[in-house]
Amino acid sequence: MTEEKMKTVPLKLLYDSWTTGGERIPAGTVLDLPLRTAKQLIAKRKAERADPLPGE
């Protein structure tokens, strides 16, 4: 499956992170990431969901 077709979810980073190219992404940044990556970061407590609760 191509990245364009992958489902993404908004995540708020809880810690500074770095891209594979070495660019720093500061904590508090909200990114749309592929579901698989999002699950990994949430499991490691490095990020949390940033989407609104139903009804908001």
C-alpha atoms as a PDB file:
ATOM      1  CA  MET A   1       0.000   0.000   0.000  1.00  0.00           C
ATOM      2  CA  THR A   2       1.364   3.421  -0.889  1.00  0.00           C
ATOM      3  CA  GLU A   3       1.797   6.090   1.755  1.00  0.00           C
ATOM      4  CA  GLU A   4      -0.843   8.254   0.067  1.00  0.00           C
ATOM      5  CA  LYS A   5      -3.487   5.577   0.683  1.00  0.00           C
ATOM      6  CA  MET A   6      -2.485   4.855   4.295  1.00  0.00           C
ATOM      7  CA  LYS A   7      -4.811   6.084   6.996  1.00  0.00           C
ATOM      8  CA  THR A   8      -3.283   8.829   9.117  1.00  0.00           C
ATOM      9  CA  VAL A   9      -4.136  10.114  12.569  1.00  0.00           C
ATOM     10  CA  PRO A  10      -3.197  13.382  14.271  1.00  0.00           C
ATOM     11  CA  LEU A  11      -0.673  12.988  17.082  1.00  0.00           C
ATOM     12  CA  LYS A  12       0.794  15.479  19.532  1.00  0.00           C
ATOM     13  CA  LEU A  13       4.437  14.747  20.307  1.00  0.00           C
ATOM     14  CA  LEU A  14       5.221  14.590  24.022  1.00  0.00           C
ATOM     15  CA  TYR A  15       9.000  14.649  23.471  1.00  0.00           C
ATOM     16  CA  ASP A  16      11.292  16.218  20.914  1.00  0.00           C
ATOM     17  CA  SER A  17      11.797  13.899  17.950  1.00  0.00           C
ATOM     18  CA  TRP A  18      14.063  13.836  14.930  1.00  0.00           C
ATOM     19  CA  THR A  19      13.334  12.957  11.317  1.00  0.00           C
ATOM     20  CA  THR A  20      15.469  10.417   9.485  1.00  0.00           C
ATOM     21  CA  GLY A  21      17.199  13.433   7.901  1.00  0.00           C
ATOM     22  CA  GLY A  22      18.200  14.777  11.321  1.00  0.00           C
ATOM     23  CA  GLU A  23      15.647  17.622  11.510  1.00  0.00           C
ATOM     24  CA  ARG A  24      14.353  18.299  15.061  1.00  0.00           C
ATOM     25  CA  ILE A  25      10.586  18.294  15.660  1.00  0.00           C
ATOM     26  CA  PRO A  26       9.812  19.957  19.019  1.00  0.00           C
ATOM     27  CA  ALA A  27       7.515  18.487  21.665  1.00  0.00           C
ATOM     28  CA  GLY A  28       3.966  19.809  21.354  1.00  0.00           C
ATOM     29  CA  THR A  29       3.967  19.608  17.561  1.00  0.00           C
ATOM     30  CA  VAL A  30       0.840  18.036  16.062  1.00  0.00           C
ATOM     31  CA  LEU A  31       1.504  15.796  13.048  1.00  0.00           C
ATOM     32  CA  ASP A  32      -0.611  13.539  10.846  1.00  0.00           C
ATOM     33  CA  LEU A  33       1.196  10.208  10.896  1.00  0.00           C
ATOM     34  CA  PRO A  34       0.451   6.785   9.434  1.00  0.00           C
ATOM     35  CA  LEU A  35      -1.597   4.602  11.784  1.00  0.00           C
ATOM     36  CA  ARG A  36       1.215   2.069  12.278  1.00  0.00           C
ATOM     37  CA  THR A  37       3.710   4.777  13.305  1.00  0.00           C
ATOM     38  CA  ALA A  38       1.099   6.434  15.514  1.00  0.00           C
ATOM     39  CA  LYS A  39       0.419   3.187  17.391  1.00  0.00           C
ATOM     40  CA  GLN A  40       4.152   2.673  17.983  1.00  0.00           C
ATOM     41  CA  LEU A  41       4.657   6.198  19.368  1.00  0.00           C
ATOM     42  CA  ILE A  42       1.578   5.958  21.608  1.00  0.00           C
ATOM     43  CA  ALA A  43       2.726   2.566  22.959  1.00  0.00           C
ATOM     44  CA  LYS A  44       6.129   4.080  23.812  1.00  0.00           C
ATOM     45  CA  ARG A  45       4.357   7.073  25.445  1.00  0.00           C
ATOM     46  CA  LYS A  46       6.157   9.438  23.083  1.00  0.00           C
ATOM     47  CA  ALA A  47       2.897  10.915  21.694  1.00  0.00           C
ATOM     48  CA  GLU A  48      -0.838  11.127  22.291  1.00  0.00           C
ATOM     49  CA  ARG A  49      -3.869  11.401  20.018  1.00  0.00           C
ATOM     50  CA  ALA A  50      -4.639  14.974  19.007  1.00  0.00           C
ATOM     51  CA  ASP A  51      -8.062  14.556  17.467  1.00  0.00           C
ATOM     52  CA  PRO A  52     -11.218  15.846  19.184  1.00  0.00           C
ATOM     53  CA  LEU A  53     -13.520  13.578  21.144  1.00  0.00           C
ATOM     54  CA  PRO A  54     -16.822  12.712  19.459  1.00  0.00           C
ATOM     55  CA  GLY A  55     -19.243  15.599  19.775  1.00  0.00           C
ATOM     56  CA  GLU A  56     -16.574  18.316  20.053  1.00  0.00           C
END
